[in-house]
């Protein structure tokens, strides 16, 4: 199968325009490189929140298949012990983050570990920490508690959930289950659709791993 893509120059132009359109990104500090729909971002931004916003802006742009973020966060003077206390307090205060999650702070990097029941709890822990002032990188090492093998009809249930999702065109998607792993294949129109499909699969209580092999087919 041949995958048709927009010209890299056209994609680069659109990503630049989307960054300019995004109020939470200083586009003047971001350089963009594109190769076969893969967008790489370079430069230095003020905060981790701006770094993440740049990734989202590029990811929602038509023709983008993958975003690789090389943006650096401008150094802050927040001492590591103070940052560690802030991270610990925020995790403890988050009602959707289990107490089993712990954080280790090294410089401006936060390493999250522990074991939880649901994937959304892992994401909640990341969201709780990644926007804190002084945090540049969050390493998610949180694991899911062991699952039994997926039931034979779990793939069908996940496919039904994909079909119900208004943000997805599920006609070209396929779900394969093996053990506690779900593999997603097929074609979607955007990186956001690809991520949405994985999010749907993760909502199954029996899934321990999602192997997302969906291809973004640029218009």
C-alpha atoms as a PDB file:
ATOM      1  CA  UNK A   1       0.000   0.000   0.000  1.00  0.00           C
ATOM      2  CA  UNK A   2       1.353   3.442  -0.958  1.00  0.00           C
ATOM      3  CA  UNK A   3       0.748   6.213   1.567  1.00  0.00           C
ATOM      4  CA  UNK A   4       0.107   9.582  -0.042  1.00  0.00           C
ATOM      5  CA  UNK A   5       1.353  12.566   1.956  1.00  0.00           C
ATOM      6  CA  UNK A   6       1.279  16.316   1.585  1.00  0.00           C
ATOM      7  CA  UNK A   7       4.533  17.958   0.570  1.00  0.00           C
ATOM      8  CA  UNK A   8       6.780  18.547   3.543  1.00  0.00           C
ATOM      9  CA  UNK A   9       6.967  22.240   2.721  1.00  0.00           C
ATOM     10  CA  UNK A  10       3.176  22.564   2.863  1.00  0.00           C
ATOM     11  CA  UNK A  11       3.041  20.734   6.189  1.00  0.00           C
ATOM     12  CA  UNK A  12       5.836  22.915   7.581  1.00  0.00           C
ATOM     13  CA  UNK A  13       3.939  26.040   6.559  1.00  0.00           C
ATOM     14  CA  UNK A  14       0.723  24.845   8.188  1.00  0.00           C
ATOM     15  CA  UNK A  15       2.478  23.863  11.420  1.00  0.00           C
ATOM     16  CA  UNK A  16       4.113  27.290  11.571  1.00  0.00           C
ATOM     17  CA  UNK A  17       0.742  28.963  11.067  1.00  0.00           C
ATOM     18  CA  UNK A  18      -0.846  26.795  13.768  1.00  0.00           C
ATOM     19  CA  UNK A  19       1.921  27.673  16.220  1.00  0.00           C
ATOM     20  CA  UNK A  20       1.387  31.359  15.426  1.00  0.00           C
ATOM     21  CA  UNK A  21      -2.353  30.872  15.998  1.00  0.00           C
ATOM     22  CA  UNK A  22      -1.805  29.246  19.411  1.00  0.00           C
ATOM     23  CA  UNK A  23      -1.831  31.864  22.203  1.00  0.00           C
ATOM     24  CA  UNK A  24       0.078  29.586  24.600  1.00  0.00           C
ATOM     25  CA  UNK A  25       3.106  29.242  22.293  1.00  0.00           C
ATOM     26  CA  UNK A  26       5.756  31.803  21.343  1.00  0.00           C
ATOM     27  CA  UNK A  27       6.174  30.662  17.758  1.00  0.00           C
ATOM     28  CA  UNK A  28       9.199  32.898  17.225  1.00  0.00           C
ATOM     29  CA  UNK A  29      11.244  30.601  19.467  1.00  0.00           C
ATOM     30  CA  UNK A  30      10.309  27.374  17.650  1.00  0.00           C
ATOM     31  CA  UNK A  31      12.051  25.991  14.559  1.00  0.00           C
ATOM     32  CA  UNK A  32      10.257  23.363  12.463  1.00  0.00           C
ATOM     33  CA  UNK A  33      11.632  20.553  10.325  1.00  0.00           C
ATOM     34  CA  UNK A  34       9.437  18.121   8.385  1.00  0.00           C
ATOM     35  CA  UNK A  35      10.283  14.878   6.617  1.00  0.00           C
ATOM     36  CA  UNK A  36       7.540  12.679   5.173  1.00  0.00           C
ATOM     37  CA  UNK A  37       4.972  14.069   7.581  1.00  0.00           C
ATOM     38  CA  UNK A  38       7.200  13.660  10.639  1.00  0.00           C
ATOM     39  CA  UNK A  39       7.507  17.039  12.363  1.00  0.00           C
ATOM     40  CA  UNK A  40      10.492  17.900  14.561  1.00  0.00           C
ATOM     41  CA  UNK A  41      10.389  20.971  16.812  1.00  0.00           C
ATOM     42  CA  UNK A  42      13.570  22.739  17.958  1.00  0.00           C
ATOM     43  CA  UNK A  43      14.355  25.750  20.129  1.00  0.00           C
ATOM     44  CA  UNK A  44      13.898  26.961  23.691  1.00  0.00           C
ATOM     45  CA  UNK A  45      10.608  27.840  25.377  1.00  0.00           C
ATOM     46  CA  UNK A  46       9.773  29.436  28.701  1.00  0.00           C
ATOM     47  CA  UNK A  47       7.865  26.614  30.426  1.00  0.00           C
ATOM     48  CA  UNK A  48       7.034  22.926  30.214  1.00  0.00           C
ATOM     49  CA  UNK A  49       3.406  23.924  29.543  1.00  0.00           C
ATOM     50  CA  UNK A  50       4.506  25.847  26.438  1.00  0.00           C
ATOM     51  CA  UNK A  51       6.561  22.864  25.286  1.00  0.00           C
ATOM     52  CA  UNK A  52       3.505  20.609  25.552  1.00  0.00           C
ATOM     53  CA  UNK A  53       1.281  23.194  23.863  1.00  0.00           C
ATOM     54  CA  UNK A  54       3.656  23.281  20.896  1.00  0.00           C
ATOM     55  CA  UNK A  55       3.420  19.497  20.586  1.00  0.00           C
ATOM     56  CA  UNK A  56      -0.380  19.620  20.637  1.00  0.00           C
ATOM     57  CA  UNK A  57      -0.485  22.439  18.073  1.00  0.00           C
ATOM     58  CA  UNK A  58       1.734  20.531  15.663  1.00  0.00           C
ATOM     59  CA  UNK A  59      -0.169  17.289  16.261  1.00  0.00           C
ATOM     60  CA  UNK A  60      -3.549  18.745  15.338  1.00  0.00           C
ATOM     61  CA  UNK A  61      -2.264  20.150  12.037  1.00  0.00           C
ATOM     62  CA  UNK A  62      -3.400  18.480   8.818  1.00  0.00           C
ATOM     63  CA  UNK A  63      -0.749  16.321   7.188  1.00  0.00           C
ATOM     64  CA  UNK A  64       1.239  15.629  10.377  1.00  0.00           C
ATOM     65  CA  UNK A  65       1.877  11.942  11.044  1.00  0.00           C
ATOM     66  CA  UNK A  66       4.211  12.172  14.062  1.00  0.00           C
ATOM     67  CA  UNK A  67       5.638  14.944  16.264  1.00  0.00           C
ATOM     68  CA  UNK A  68       9.148  14.735  17.730  1.00  0.00           C
ATOM     69  CA  UNK A  69       9.682  17.448  20.325  1.00  0.00           C
ATOM     70  CA  UNK A  70      13.278  18.584  20.803  1.00  0.00           C
ATOM     71  CA  UNK A  71      12.259  21.853  22.477  1.00  0.00           C
ATOM     72  CA  UNK A  72      14.157  22.732  25.639  1.00  0.00           C
ATOM     73  CA  UNK A  73      12.655  24.536  28.603  1.00  0.00           C
ATOM     74  CA  UNK A  74      14.488  27.663  29.700  1.00  0.00           C
ATOM     75  CA  UNK A  75      16.339  26.887  32.950  1.00  0.00           C
ATOM     76  CA  UNK A  76      14.751  28.048  36.197  1.00  0.00           C
ATOM     77  CA  UNK A  77      16.324  28.647  39.580  1.00  0.00           C
ATOM     78  CA  UNK A  78      13.897  26.531  41.563  1.00  0.00           C
ATOM     79  CA  UNK A  79      16.040  24.270  43.811  1.00  0.00           C
ATOM     80  CA  UNK A  80      15.432  20.539  43.482  1.00  0.00           C
ATOM     81  CA  UNK A  81      14.385  20.022  47.148  1.00  0.00           C
ATOM     82  CA  UNK A  82      11.700  22.704  46.850  1.00  0.00           C
ATOM     83  CA  UNK A  83      10.497  21.277  43.535  1.00  0.00           C
ATOM     84  CA  UNK A  84      10.348  17.797  45.066  1.00  0.00           C
ATOM     85  CA  UNK A  85       8.125  19.069  47.885  1.00  0.00           C
ATOM     86  CA  UNK A  86       5.812  20.796  45.403  1.00  0.00           C
ATOM     87  CA  UNK A  87       5.532  17.638  43.275  1.00  0.00           C
ATOM     88  CA  UNK A  88       4.773  15.480  46.321  1.00  0.00           C
ATOM     89  CA  UNK A  89       2.087  17.865  47.569  1.00  0.00           C
ATOM     90  CA  UNK A  90       0.395  18.052  44.174  1.00  0.00           C
ATOM     91  CA  UNK A  91       0.327  14.274  43.749  1.00  0.00           C
ATOM     92  CA  UNK A  92      -1.093  13.842  47.246  1.00  0.00           C
ATOM     93  CA  UNK A  93      -3.796  16.430  46.551  1.00  0.00           C
ATOM     94  CA  UNK A  94      -4.894  14.895  43.222  1.00  0.00           C
ATOM     95  CA  UNK A  95      -7.970  12.735  43.809  1.00  0.00           C
ATOM     96  CA  UNK A  96      -7.392  10.716  40.623  1.00  0.00           C
ATOM     97  CA  UNK A  97      -3.802   9.758  41.502  1.00  0.00           C
ATOM     98  CA  UNK A  98      -3.484   6.729  43.845  1.00  0.00           C
ATOM     99  CA  UNK A  99      -1.216   6.957  46.883  1.00  0.00           C
ATOM    100  CA  UNK A 100       0.867   4.135  45.376  1.00  0.00           C
ATOM    101  CA  UNK A 101       2.412   6.652  42.955  1.00  0.00           C
ATOM    102  CA  UNK A 102       5.732   8.138  44.066  1.00  0.00           C
ATOM    103  CA  UNK A 103       8.012  10.755  42.487  1.00  0.00           C
ATOM    104  CA  UNK A 104      11.766  11.211  42.362  1.00  0.00           C
ATOM    105  CA  UNK A 105      13.072  14.637  41.360  1.00  0.00           C
ATOM    106  CA  UNK A 106      16.506  15.091  39.819  1.00  0.00           C
ATOM    107  CA  UNK A 107      17.239  18.623  38.733  1.00  0.00           C
ATOM    108  CA  UNK A 108      14.258  19.586  36.568  1.00  0.00           C
ATOM    109  CA  UNK A 109      13.279  15.982  35.777  1.00  0.00           C
ATOM    110  CA  UNK A 110      10.548  14.040  37.580  1.00  0.00           C
ATOM    111  CA  UNK A 111      10.474  10.245  37.566  1.00  0.00           C
ATOM    112  CA  UNK A 112       7.100   8.733  38.479  1.00  0.00           C
ATOM    113  CA  UNK A 113       6.859   5.134  39.676  1.00  0.00           C
ATOM    114  CA  UNK A 114       4.447   2.792  41.426  1.00  0.00           C
ATOM    115  CA  UNK A 115       1.620   0.469  40.445  1.00  0.00           C
ATOM    116  CA  UNK A 116      -1.965   1.465  39.606  1.00  0.00           C
ATOM    117  CA  UNK A 117      -5.170  -0.195  38.399  1.00  0.00           C
ATOM    118  CA  UNK A 118      -5.973   2.009  35.397  1.00  0.00           C
ATOM    119  CA  UNK A 119      -4.034   3.706  32.620  1.00  0.00           C
ATOM    120  CA  UNK A 120      -5.951   6.969  33.195  1.00  0.00           C
ATOM    121  CA  UNK A 121      -4.362   7.084  36.664  1.00  0.00           C
ATOM    122  CA  UNK A 122      -0.915   6.995  35.066  1.00  0.00           C
ATOM    123  CA  UNK A 123      -1.873   9.883  32.785  1.00  0.00           C
ATOM    124  CA  UNK A 124      -3.383  11.781  35.715  1.00  0.00           C
ATOM    125  CA  UNK A 125      -0.081  11.569  37.575  1.00  0.00           C
ATOM    126  CA  UNK A 126       1.778  12.893  34.527  1.00  0.00           C
ATOM    127  CA  UNK A 127      -0.691  15.745  34.000  1.00  0.00           C
ATOM    128  CA  UNK A 128      -0.454  16.683  37.668  1.00  0.00           C
ATOM    129  CA  UNK A 129       3.306  17.157  37.449  1.00  0.00           C
ATOM    130  CA  UNK A 130       4.149  18.190  33.897  1.00  0.00           C
ATOM    131  CA  UNK A 131       2.695  21.705  34.159  1.00  0.00           C
ATOM    132  CA  UNK A 132       4.411  22.602  37.432  1.00  0.00           C
ATOM    133  CA  UNK A 133       6.833  25.491  37.227  1.00  0.00           C
ATOM    134  CA  UNK A 134      10.398  24.206  37.119  1.00  0.00           C
ATOM    135  CA  UNK A 135       9.540  20.783  35.670  1.00  0.00           C
ATOM    136  CA  UNK A 136      11.059  20.139  32.255  1.00  0.00           C
ATOM    137  CA  UNK A 137      10.719  16.378  31.784  1.00  0.00           C
ATOM    138  CA  UNK A 138       8.370  13.792  33.321  1.00  0.00           C
ATOM    139  CA  UNK A 139       9.433  10.161  33.027  1.00  0.00           C
ATOM    140  CA  UNK A 140       6.450   7.872  33.438  1.00  0.00           C
ATOM    141  CA  UNK A 141       7.570   4.544  34.942  1.00  0.00           C
ATOM    142  CA  UNK A 142       4.211   3.758  36.568  1.00  0.00           C
ATOM    143  CA  UNK A 143       3.066   0.204  35.849  1.00  0.00           C
ATOM    144  CA  UNK A 144      -0.364  -1.421  35.704  1.00  0.00           C
ATOM    145  CA  UNK A 145      -1.261  -4.249  38.056  1.00  0.00           C
ATOM    146  CA  UNK A 146      -1.179  -7.645  36.288  1.00  0.00           C
ATOM    147  CA  UNK A 147      -4.183  -8.570  34.168  1.00  0.00           C
ATOM    148  CA  UNK A 148      -5.627 -11.891  33.118  1.00  0.00           C
ATOM    149  CA  UNK A 149      -5.709 -12.721  29.418  1.00  0.00           C
ATOM    150  CA  UNK A 150      -8.294 -10.786  27.446  1.00  0.00           C
ATOM    151  CA  UNK A 151     -11.615 -12.530  26.829  1.00  0.00           C
ATOM    152  CA  UNK A 152     -12.310 -13.660  23.289  1.00  0.00           C
ATOM    153  CA  UNK A 153     -14.993 -11.001  22.791  1.00  0.00           C
ATOM    154  CA  UNK A 154     -12.958  -8.101  24.229  1.00  0.00           C
ATOM    155  CA  UNK A 155     -11.730  -7.117  20.781  1.00  0.00           C
ATOM    156  CA  UNK A 156     -15.311  -6.819  19.606  1.00  0.00           C
ATOM    157  CA  UNK A 157     -16.195  -4.687  22.649  1.00  0.00           C
ATOM    158  CA  UNK A 158     -13.284  -2.343  21.933  1.00  0.00           C
ATOM    159  CA  UNK A 159     -14.303  -2.136  18.270  1.00  0.00           C
ATOM    160  CA  UNK A 160     -17.831  -1.202  19.346  1.00  0.00           C
ATOM    161  CA  UNK A 161     -16.379   1.540  21.554  1.00  0.00           C
ATOM    162  CA  UNK A 162     -14.305   2.871  18.647  1.00  0.00           C
ATOM    163  CA  UNK A 163     -17.426   2.975  16.491  1.00  0.00           C
ATOM    164  CA  UNK A 164     -19.322   4.919  19.154  1.00  0.00           C
ATOM    165  CA  UNK A 165     -16.608   7.600  19.353  1.00  0.00           C
ATOM    166  CA  UNK A 166     -17.644  10.662  17.360  1.00  0.00           C
ATOM    167  CA  UNK A 167     -14.046  11.879  16.961  1.00  0.00           C
ATOM    168  CA  UNK A 168     -13.111   8.728  15.036  1.00  0.00           C
ATOM    169  CA  UNK A 169     -13.847   7.202  11.660  1.00  0.00           C
ATOM    170  CA  UNK A 170     -13.549   3.543  12.658  1.00  0.00           C
ATOM    171  CA  UNK A 171     -14.359   2.060   9.245  1.00  0.00           C
ATOM    172  CA  UNK A 172     -10.674   1.457   8.466  1.00  0.00           C
ATOM    173  CA  UNK A 173      -9.597   0.231  11.909  1.00  0.00           C
ATOM    174  CA  UNK A 174      -9.017  -3.279  13.208  1.00  0.00           C
ATOM    175  CA  UNK A 175      -8.569  -4.598  16.749  1.00  0.00           C
ATOM    176  CA  UNK A 176      -6.486  -7.692  17.552  1.00  0.00           C
ATOM    177  CA  UNK A 177      -6.260  -9.134  21.070  1.00  0.00           C
ATOM    178  CA  UNK A 178      -3.535 -11.435  22.370  1.00  0.00           C
ATOM    179  CA  UNK A 179      -3.024 -12.183  26.047  1.00  0.00           C
ATOM    180  CA  UNK A 180      -3.416  -8.844  27.836  1.00  0.00           C
ATOM    181  CA  UNK A 181      -2.343  -6.803  24.780  1.00  0.00           C
ATOM    182  CA  UNK A 182      -4.497  -4.982  22.225  1.00  0.00           C
ATOM    183  CA  UNK A 183      -3.029  -4.214  18.811  1.00  0.00           C
ATOM    184  CA  UNK A 184      -4.671  -1.463  16.749  1.00  0.00           C
ATOM    185  CA  UNK A 185      -4.141  -1.352  12.993  1.00  0.00           C
ATOM    186  CA  UNK A 186      -5.616   0.601  10.108  1.00  0.00           C
ATOM    187  CA  UNK A 187      -5.703   4.146   8.764  1.00  0.00           C
ATOM    188  CA  UNK A 188      -6.912   7.448  10.220  1.00  0.00           C
ATOM    189  CA  UNK A 189      -6.885  11.044   8.994  1.00  0.00           C
ATOM    190  CA  UNK A 190      -4.875  12.704  11.771  1.00  0.00           C
ATOM    191  CA  UNK A 191      -2.521  12.160  14.675  1.00  0.00           C
ATOM    192  CA  UNK A 192      -5.319  13.188  17.030  1.00  0.00           C
ATOM    193  CA  UNK A 193      -7.521  10.373  15.696  1.00  0.00           C
ATOM    194  CA  UNK A 194      -4.675   7.913  16.198  1.00  0.00           C
ATOM    195  CA  UNK A 195      -4.284   9.001  19.822  1.00  0.00           C
ATOM    196  CA  UNK A 196      -8.057   8.930  20.359  1.00  0.00           C
ATOM    197  CA  UNK A 197      -8.212   5.322  19.198  1.00  0.00           C
ATOM    198  CA  UNK A 198      -5.528   4.297  21.683  1.00  0.00           C
ATOM    199  CA  UNK A 199      -7.371   6.121  24.462  1.00  0.00           C
ATOM    200  CA  UNK A 200     -10.526   4.131  23.685  1.00  0.00           C
ATOM    201  CA  UNK A 201      -8.654   0.826  23.878  1.00  0.00           C
ATOM    202  CA  UNK A 202      -7.092   1.788  27.215  1.00  0.00           C
ATOM    203  CA  UNK A 203     -10.559   2.155  28.744  1.00  0.00           C
ATOM    204  CA  UNK A 204     -10.941  -1.623  28.775  1.00  0.00           C
ATOM    205  CA  UNK A 205     -10.377  -2.883  32.319  1.00  0.00           C
ATOM    206  CA  UNK A 206      -8.549  -5.957  30.996  1.00  0.00           C
ATOM    207  CA  UNK A 207      -5.941  -4.232  28.839  1.00  0.00           C
ATOM    208  CA  UNK A 208      -2.358  -4.022  30.086  1.00  0.00           C
ATOM    209  CA  UNK A 209      -0.726  -2.854  26.854  1.00  0.00           C
ATOM    210  CA  UNK A 210      -1.864  -1.090  23.673  1.00  0.00           C
ATOM    211  CA  UNK A 211       0.271  -1.562  20.565  1.00  0.00           C
ATOM    212  CA  UNK A 212      -0.838   1.296  18.329  1.00  0.00           C
ATOM    213  CA  UNK A 213       0.105   0.528  14.714  1.00  0.00           C
ATOM    214  CA  UNK A 214      -2.470   2.833  13.153  1.00  0.00           C
ATOM    215  CA  UNK A 215      -1.096   4.832  10.236  1.00  0.00           C
ATOM    216  CA  UNK A 216      -1.950   8.513   9.699  1.00  0.00           C
ATOM    217  CA  UNK A 217      -2.906   8.958   6.058  1.00  0.00           C
ATOM    218  CA  UNK A 218      -2.451  12.614   5.152  1.00  0.00           C
ATOM    219  CA  UNK A 219      -5.085  14.207   2.972  1.00  0.00           C
END
